[in-house]
N, C-alpha and C. Protein backbone atom coordinates (compact mmCIF):
# COMPACT_ATOMS: atom_id res chain seq x y z
N MET A 1 5.49 75.55 -53.11
CA MET A 1 5.88 76.61 -52.94
C MET A 1 5.92 76.94 -51.71
N LYS A 2 6.83 77.01 -51.26
CA LYS A 2 6.71 77.76 -49.65
C LYS A 2 7.53 79.00 -49.59
N PHE A 3 7.16 79.82 -48.47
CA PHE A 3 7.48 81.25 -48.30
C PHE A 3 7.91 80.96 -46.88
N LYS A 4 8.88 81.82 -46.60
CA LYS A 4 9.30 81.94 -45.05
C LYS A 4 9.63 83.14 -44.39
N LEU A 5 8.74 83.66 -43.83
CA LEU A 5 8.67 85.48 -43.87
C LEU A 5 10.56 85.02 -42.74
N VAL A 6 11.61 86.53 -43.18
CA VAL A 6 12.80 86.00 -42.62
C VAL A 6 12.99 87.39 -41.68
N HIS A 7 12.75 88.62 -42.56
CA HIS A 7 12.74 90.09 -41.52
C HIS A 7 11.93 91.18 -41.94
N ASN A 8 11.85 91.68 -41.37
CA ASN A 8 10.78 93.40 -41.55
C ASN A 8 12.22 94.57 -42.03
N ASN A 9 12.08 95.84 -42.86
CA ASN A 9 13.20 97.16 -43.10
C ASN A 9 12.35 97.98 -41.87
N LEU A 10 13.36 98.50 -41.71
CA LEU A 10 12.98 99.80 -41.19
C LEU A 10 14.18 101.06 -41.52
N ASN A 11 13.50 101.95 -41.99
CA ASN A 11 14.43 102.63 -42.08
C ASN A 11 14.53 103.55 -40.51
N VAL A 12 15.79 104.11 -40.63
CA VAL A 12 16.20 104.78 -39.60
C VAL A 12 17.31 105.70 -39.75
N PHE A 13 17.00 106.84 -39.10
CA PHE A 13 17.73 107.91 -39.10
C PHE A 13 18.86 108.26 -38.60
N ASP A 14 19.34 107.66 -37.14
CA ASP A 14 20.43 107.77 -36.40
C ASP A 14 20.69 106.28 -36.07
N LEU A 15 21.44 105.54 -36.51
CA LEU A 15 21.74 103.80 -36.38
C LEU A 15 21.88 103.67 -34.85
N GLU A 16 23.12 104.30 -34.37
CA GLU A 16 23.52 103.89 -33.14
C GLU A 16 22.70 104.23 -32.01
N LYS A 17 21.99 105.19 -32.23
CA LYS A 17 20.34 105.30 -31.31
C LYS A 17 19.82 104.41 -31.34
N SER A 18 19.21 103.88 -32.76
CA SER A 18 18.42 102.80 -33.38
C SER A 18 18.85 101.56 -32.12
N LEU A 19 19.72 101.33 -32.68
CA LEU A 19 20.76 99.96 -32.05
C LEU A 19 20.32 99.69 -30.44
N GLN A 20 20.95 101.03 -29.94
CA GLN A 20 21.17 101.29 -28.39
C GLN A 20 19.25 101.55 -27.79
N PHE A 21 18.41 101.83 -28.59
CA PHE A 21 16.93 101.50 -28.47
C PHE A 21 16.70 100.01 -28.44
N TYR A 22 16.15 99.53 -29.35
CA TYR A 22 16.12 97.70 -29.68
C TYR A 22 16.75 96.99 -28.75
N GLU A 23 17.98 97.58 -28.38
CA GLU A 23 18.50 96.44 -27.54
C GLU A 23 18.29 96.85 -25.61
N GLU A 24 17.85 97.85 -25.64
CA GLU A 24 17.89 98.48 -23.91
C GLU A 24 15.73 97.87 -23.99
N ALA A 25 15.19 97.98 -25.46
CA ALA A 25 13.67 97.91 -25.08
C ALA A 25 13.27 97.01 -25.29
N LEU A 26 13.83 96.03 -26.64
CA LEU A 26 13.33 94.50 -27.04
C LEU A 26 14.40 93.42 -26.96
N GLY A 27 15.82 93.32 -26.35
CA GLY A 27 16.93 93.10 -26.15
C GLY A 27 16.75 91.93 -27.07
N LEU A 28 16.91 93.62 -28.18
CA LEU A 28 17.53 92.89 -29.77
C LEU A 28 19.51 93.36 -30.02
N LYS A 29 19.49 92.35 -30.48
CA LYS A 29 21.21 92.58 -30.49
C LYS A 29 21.25 92.47 -32.29
N GLU A 30 22.46 93.06 -32.50
CA GLU A 30 22.93 92.98 -33.81
C GLU A 30 23.86 91.62 -34.59
N VAL A 31 22.93 91.01 -35.30
CA VAL A 31 23.51 89.64 -35.98
C VAL A 31 24.07 89.86 -36.81
N ARG A 32 24.36 90.64 -37.87
CA ARG A 32 25.10 90.72 -38.98
C ARG A 32 24.60 92.11 -39.34
N ARG A 33 25.70 92.63 -40.58
CA ARG A 33 26.23 93.96 -41.09
C ARG A 33 26.43 93.55 -42.43
N LYS A 34 25.61 94.73 -43.07
CA LYS A 34 26.21 95.38 -44.41
C LYS A 34 26.31 96.14 -44.98
N GLU A 35 27.89 96.34 -45.28
CA GLU A 35 27.86 98.27 -45.37
C GLU A 35 27.91 98.16 -47.27
N ALA A 36 27.58 99.04 -47.58
CA ALA A 36 28.09 99.02 -48.80
C ALA A 36 29.23 99.99 -49.76
N SER A 37 30.23 99.66 -49.98
CA SER A 37 31.23 100.00 -50.29
C SER A 37 31.74 101.51 -50.79
N ASP A 38 30.87 102.41 -50.89
CA ASP A 38 30.69 103.30 -51.22
C ASP A 38 30.51 104.50 -50.07
N GLY A 39 29.83 103.61 -49.21
CA GLY A 39 29.89 104.50 -48.08
C GLY A 39 27.92 104.95 -47.64
N SER A 40 27.30 104.07 -48.96
CA SER A 40 26.22 105.13 -48.91
C SER A 40 24.93 104.46 -48.19
N PHE A 41 25.20 103.18 -48.07
CA PHE A 41 24.11 102.48 -46.76
C PHE A 41 24.85 101.31 -45.60
N ILE A 42 24.17 101.14 -45.08
CA ILE A 42 24.49 100.21 -43.90
C ILE A 42 23.00 99.45 -43.62
N LEU A 43 22.86 98.72 -44.16
CA LEU A 43 22.46 97.45 -43.16
C LEU A 43 22.31 96.97 -41.61
N VAL A 44 21.85 96.45 -40.93
CA VAL A 44 22.32 95.96 -39.74
C VAL A 44 20.97 95.32 -39.62
N PHE A 45 21.23 93.98 -38.99
CA PHE A 45 19.83 92.64 -38.81
C PHE A 45 20.03 92.71 -37.31
N ILE A 46 18.82 92.54 -36.70
CA ILE A 46 18.72 92.71 -35.35
C ILE A 46 17.81 91.56 -35.16
N ALA A 47 18.37 90.83 -33.92
CA ALA A 47 17.35 89.78 -33.42
C ALA A 47 17.67 89.50 -32.08
N ASN A 48 16.93 87.98 -31.50
CA ASN A 48 17.16 87.87 -30.24
C ASN A 48 17.23 86.09 -30.17
N GLU A 49 17.23 85.77 -29.38
CA GLU A 49 16.99 83.76 -29.15
C GLU A 49 16.04 83.62 -29.22
N GLU A 50 14.95 84.64 -29.15
CA GLU A 50 13.36 84.51 -29.11
C GLU A 50 13.01 83.64 -30.35
N SER A 51 13.18 83.86 -31.43
CA SER A 51 12.36 84.31 -32.62
C SER A 51 13.67 84.05 -34.00
N ALA A 52 13.48 83.36 -34.92
CA ALA A 52 14.25 83.38 -36.35
C ALA A 52 14.40 84.43 -36.91
N HIS A 53 13.02 85.29 -36.74
CA HIS A 53 12.67 86.77 -37.55
C HIS A 53 13.60 87.49 -36.96
N GLN A 54 14.32 88.36 -38.41
CA GLN A 54 15.18 89.51 -37.72
C GLN A 54 13.99 90.72 -38.32
N ILE A 55 15.17 92.07 -37.88
CA ILE A 55 14.16 93.59 -38.01
C ILE A 55 15.67 93.62 -39.03
N GLU A 56 16.10 94.10 -40.05
CA GLU A 56 16.66 95.45 -40.68
C GLU A 56 16.68 96.26 -40.85
N LEU A 57 17.81 96.91 -39.71
CA LEU A 57 17.59 98.36 -39.63
C LEU A 57 18.80 99.02 -41.03
N THR A 58 17.69 100.01 -41.57
CA THR A 58 18.85 100.78 -43.07
C THR A 58 18.52 101.89 -42.89
N TRP A 59 20.44 102.61 -42.74
CA TRP A 59 21.00 103.81 -42.91
C TRP A 59 21.22 104.15 -43.66
N LEU A 60 20.77 105.08 -44.37
CA LEU A 60 20.58 105.91 -45.76
C LEU A 60 22.02 107.65 -45.30
N ARG A 61 23.16 107.30 -45.98
CA ARG A 61 24.23 108.23 -46.01
C ARG A 61 23.56 109.88 -45.86
N ASP A 62 22.64 110.03 -47.31
CA ASP A 62 22.18 111.30 -47.92
C ASP A 62 21.10 111.11 -47.56
N LYS A 63 20.55 111.13 -46.27
CA LYS A 63 19.24 111.10 -45.58
C LYS A 63 19.69 112.43 -44.93
N LYS A 64 19.13 113.25 -44.56
CA LYS A 64 19.56 114.77 -44.00
C LYS A 64 18.33 114.90 -43.13
N GLU A 65 17.31 114.40 -43.27
CA GLU A 65 16.35 114.67 -42.03
C GLU A 65 15.56 113.34 -41.60
N PRO A 66 14.84 114.18 -40.35
CA PRO A 66 13.99 112.40 -39.81
C PRO A 66 13.11 112.20 -40.53
N TYR A 67 13.01 110.48 -40.66
CA TYR A 67 11.67 110.13 -41.37
C TYR A 67 10.07 111.04 -41.01
N ASN A 68 9.58 110.94 -41.93
CA ASN A 68 7.92 111.42 -41.93
C ASN A 68 7.20 110.47 -42.39
N LEU A 69 6.84 109.40 -40.93
CA LEU A 69 5.84 108.33 -41.18
C LEU A 69 4.69 108.55 -41.72
N GLY A 70 4.16 109.59 -41.51
CA GLY A 70 2.84 110.17 -41.97
C GLY A 70 1.78 109.76 -41.43
N ASP A 71 0.99 109.06 -42.02
CA ASP A 71 -0.59 108.09 -41.56
C ASP A 71 0.07 106.66 -41.32
N ASN A 72 1.28 106.01 -41.60
CA ASN A 72 1.96 104.87 -41.67
C ASN A 72 1.25 103.94 -40.44
N GLU A 73 0.65 103.02 -40.45
CA GLU A 73 -0.12 102.75 -39.43
C GLU A 73 0.80 101.39 -39.10
N VAL A 74 1.69 100.75 -39.29
CA VAL A 74 2.43 99.23 -39.35
C VAL A 74 3.24 99.11 -38.12
N HIS A 75 3.09 97.81 -37.87
CA HIS A 75 3.83 97.99 -36.31
C HIS A 75 4.43 96.71 -36.58
N ILE A 76 4.93 96.28 -35.27
CA ILE A 76 5.64 94.59 -35.38
C ILE A 76 5.14 94.32 -33.70
N ALA A 77 4.80 93.29 -33.44
CA ALA A 77 4.38 92.82 -32.81
C ALA A 77 5.87 91.97 -32.00
N PHE A 78 5.81 92.24 -30.28
CA PHE A 78 6.59 91.30 -29.62
C PHE A 78 5.56 90.72 -28.64
N ARG A 79 5.41 89.28 -28.05
CA ARG A 79 5.22 88.99 -27.46
C ARG A 79 5.95 88.94 -26.02
N VAL A 80 5.68 88.72 -25.14
CA VAL A 80 6.56 88.96 -23.73
C VAL A 80 6.13 88.12 -22.73
N ASP A 81 7.06 87.39 -21.65
CA ASP A 81 6.63 86.55 -20.34
C ASP A 81 6.33 87.20 -19.31
N ASP A 82 7.10 88.14 -19.25
CA ASP A 82 6.41 89.58 -18.09
C ASP A 82 6.42 90.76 -18.21
N TYR A 83 4.87 90.68 -18.82
CA TYR A 83 4.18 91.98 -19.43
C TYR A 83 4.29 93.03 -17.97
N GLU A 84 4.22 92.84 -17.21
CA GLU A 84 4.10 93.88 -15.82
C GLU A 84 5.54 94.35 -16.31
N GLY A 85 6.79 93.40 -16.27
CA GLY A 85 7.74 94.18 -16.16
C GLY A 85 8.54 94.87 -17.52
N ALA A 86 7.86 94.21 -18.29
CA ALA A 86 8.38 95.21 -19.66
C ALA A 86 7.83 96.24 -19.74
N TYR A 87 6.31 96.18 -19.27
CA TYR A 87 5.89 97.54 -18.51
C TYR A 87 6.45 99.07 -18.13
N ALA A 88 7.10 97.94 -16.87
CA ALA A 88 7.13 99.60 -16.17
C ALA A 88 8.68 99.68 -16.90
N LYS A 89 9.53 98.82 -17.53
CA LYS A 89 10.67 99.28 -18.36
C LYS A 89 10.64 100.17 -19.33
N HIS A 90 9.50 100.03 -19.96
CA HIS A 90 9.03 101.02 -21.28
C HIS A 90 8.63 102.21 -20.81
N LYS A 91 8.07 101.98 -19.65
CA LYS A 91 7.40 103.39 -18.94
C LYS A 91 8.37 104.22 -18.33
N GLU A 92 9.32 103.56 -17.62
CA GLU A 92 10.79 104.36 -17.22
C GLU A 92 11.14 104.66 -18.40
N MET A 93 11.63 104.29 -19.32
CA MET A 93 11.97 104.80 -20.45
C MET A 93 11.72 105.90 -21.30
N GLY A 94 10.36 105.94 -21.01
CA GLY A 94 9.36 106.90 -21.80
C GLY A 94 8.58 106.74 -23.18
N CYS A 95 8.62 105.25 -23.32
CA CYS A 95 8.90 104.84 -24.96
C CYS A 95 7.30 104.82 -25.00
N ILE A 96 6.29 104.41 -24.05
CA ILE A 96 5.03 104.20 -24.24
C ILE A 96 4.32 105.48 -24.72
N CYS A 97 3.68 104.66 -26.19
CA CYS A 97 2.69 105.81 -27.01
C CYS A 97 1.13 105.34 -26.89
N TYR A 98 0.89 104.44 -26.77
CA TYR A 98 -0.35 104.53 -26.73
C TYR A 98 -0.87 103.11 -26.19
N GLU A 99 -1.67 102.88 -25.12
CA GLU A 99 -1.77 102.27 -24.48
C GLU A 99 -3.56 101.85 -24.25
N ASN A 100 -3.75 100.27 -24.89
CA ASN A 100 -5.06 99.48 -24.70
C ASN A 100 -5.77 98.89 -23.07
N PRO A 101 -5.41 99.59 -22.46
CA PRO A 101 -5.78 98.45 -21.10
C PRO A 101 -7.48 97.05 -21.59
N GLY A 102 -8.09 97.69 -22.26
CA GLY A 102 -9.20 96.66 -22.60
C GLY A 102 -8.96 95.89 -23.54
N MET A 103 -8.05 95.96 -24.33
CA MET A 103 -7.12 94.77 -25.08
C MET A 103 -5.89 93.85 -24.45
N GLY A 104 -5.48 94.72 -23.23
CA GLY A 104 -4.25 94.30 -22.87
C GLY A 104 -3.55 94.30 -23.51
N ILE A 105 -2.93 94.96 -23.98
CA ILE A 105 -1.74 95.38 -24.97
C ILE A 105 -1.07 96.82 -24.87
N TYR A 106 -0.15 97.25 -25.35
CA TYR A 106 0.30 98.87 -25.75
C TYR A 106 1.31 98.95 -26.70
N PHE A 107 1.71 99.89 -27.26
CA PHE A 107 2.58 100.41 -28.06
C PHE A 107 3.68 101.46 -27.20
N ILE A 108 5.36 100.97 -27.99
CA ILE A 108 6.25 101.80 -27.30
C ILE A 108 6.57 102.18 -29.06
N CYS A 109 7.54 103.67 -28.78
CA CYS A 109 7.81 103.90 -30.25
C CYS A 109 9.13 104.33 -30.22
N ASP A 110 9.59 103.99 -31.00
CA ASP A 110 11.09 103.87 -31.17
C ASP A 110 11.78 105.35 -31.60
N PRO A 111 13.05 105.20 -32.23
CA PRO A 111 13.21 106.77 -32.13
C PRO A 111 13.05 107.31 -33.64
N ASP A 112 12.46 106.59 -34.32
CA ASP A 112 12.36 107.15 -35.69
C ASP A 112 10.67 107.28 -35.97
N GLY A 113 9.65 106.98 -34.64
CA GLY A 113 8.30 107.08 -34.49
C GLY A 113 7.69 105.59 -35.23
N TYR A 114 8.48 104.86 -35.44
CA TYR A 114 7.77 103.43 -35.46
C TYR A 114 7.40 102.75 -34.15
N TRP A 115 6.09 102.42 -34.30
CA TRP A 115 5.41 101.36 -33.75
C TRP A 115 5.20 100.14 -33.09
N LEU A 116 5.60 99.60 -31.93
CA LEU A 116 5.62 98.42 -31.66
C LEU A 116 5.20 97.94 -30.51
N GLU A 117 4.13 97.20 -30.84
CA GLU A 117 3.33 96.51 -30.16
C GLU A 117 4.02 95.65 -28.88
N VAL A 118 3.41 95.24 -28.32
CA VAL A 118 3.47 95.00 -26.61
C VAL A 118 2.65 94.12 -26.14
N ILE A 119 2.18 92.54 -26.37
CA ILE A 119 1.61 91.83 -25.97
C ILE A 119 1.91 90.91 -24.78
N PRO A 120 1.01 90.39 -23.98
CA PRO A 120 1.55 88.88 -23.19
C PRO A 120 1.10 87.77 -23.85
N TYR A 121 1.73 87.01 -23.32
CA TYR A 121 1.31 85.57 -23.64
C TYR A 121 0.23 84.97 -22.57
N ARG A 122 -1.05 84.47 -23.66
CA ARG A 122 -2.18 83.97 -23.37
C ARG A 122 -2.77 83.03 -23.62
């Protein structure tokens, strides 16, 4: 029996804001969308050409307040070929939320508070 990892899900409060962030910060674009017939939810899968793995952004109509992630320390990591360029871009965007120079990595934070790790090719 073989299992293939295909996507991670993140629930988002403002779908358009999240789509804009992921495209600007990480080059991830919408690859497909599913909308509930009653309008109660929208699923948008985002990805780029570098990987077959996708992120599913889930928007729920009845969610009235931003998500409280509490002590959630789950994150998604991205390896980048131009670490210094990515760092400069994310610094300009104001989305760097944690840096670990000793490990040579940093994290950015999306509009809902999810952390995304950025690591260089080594």
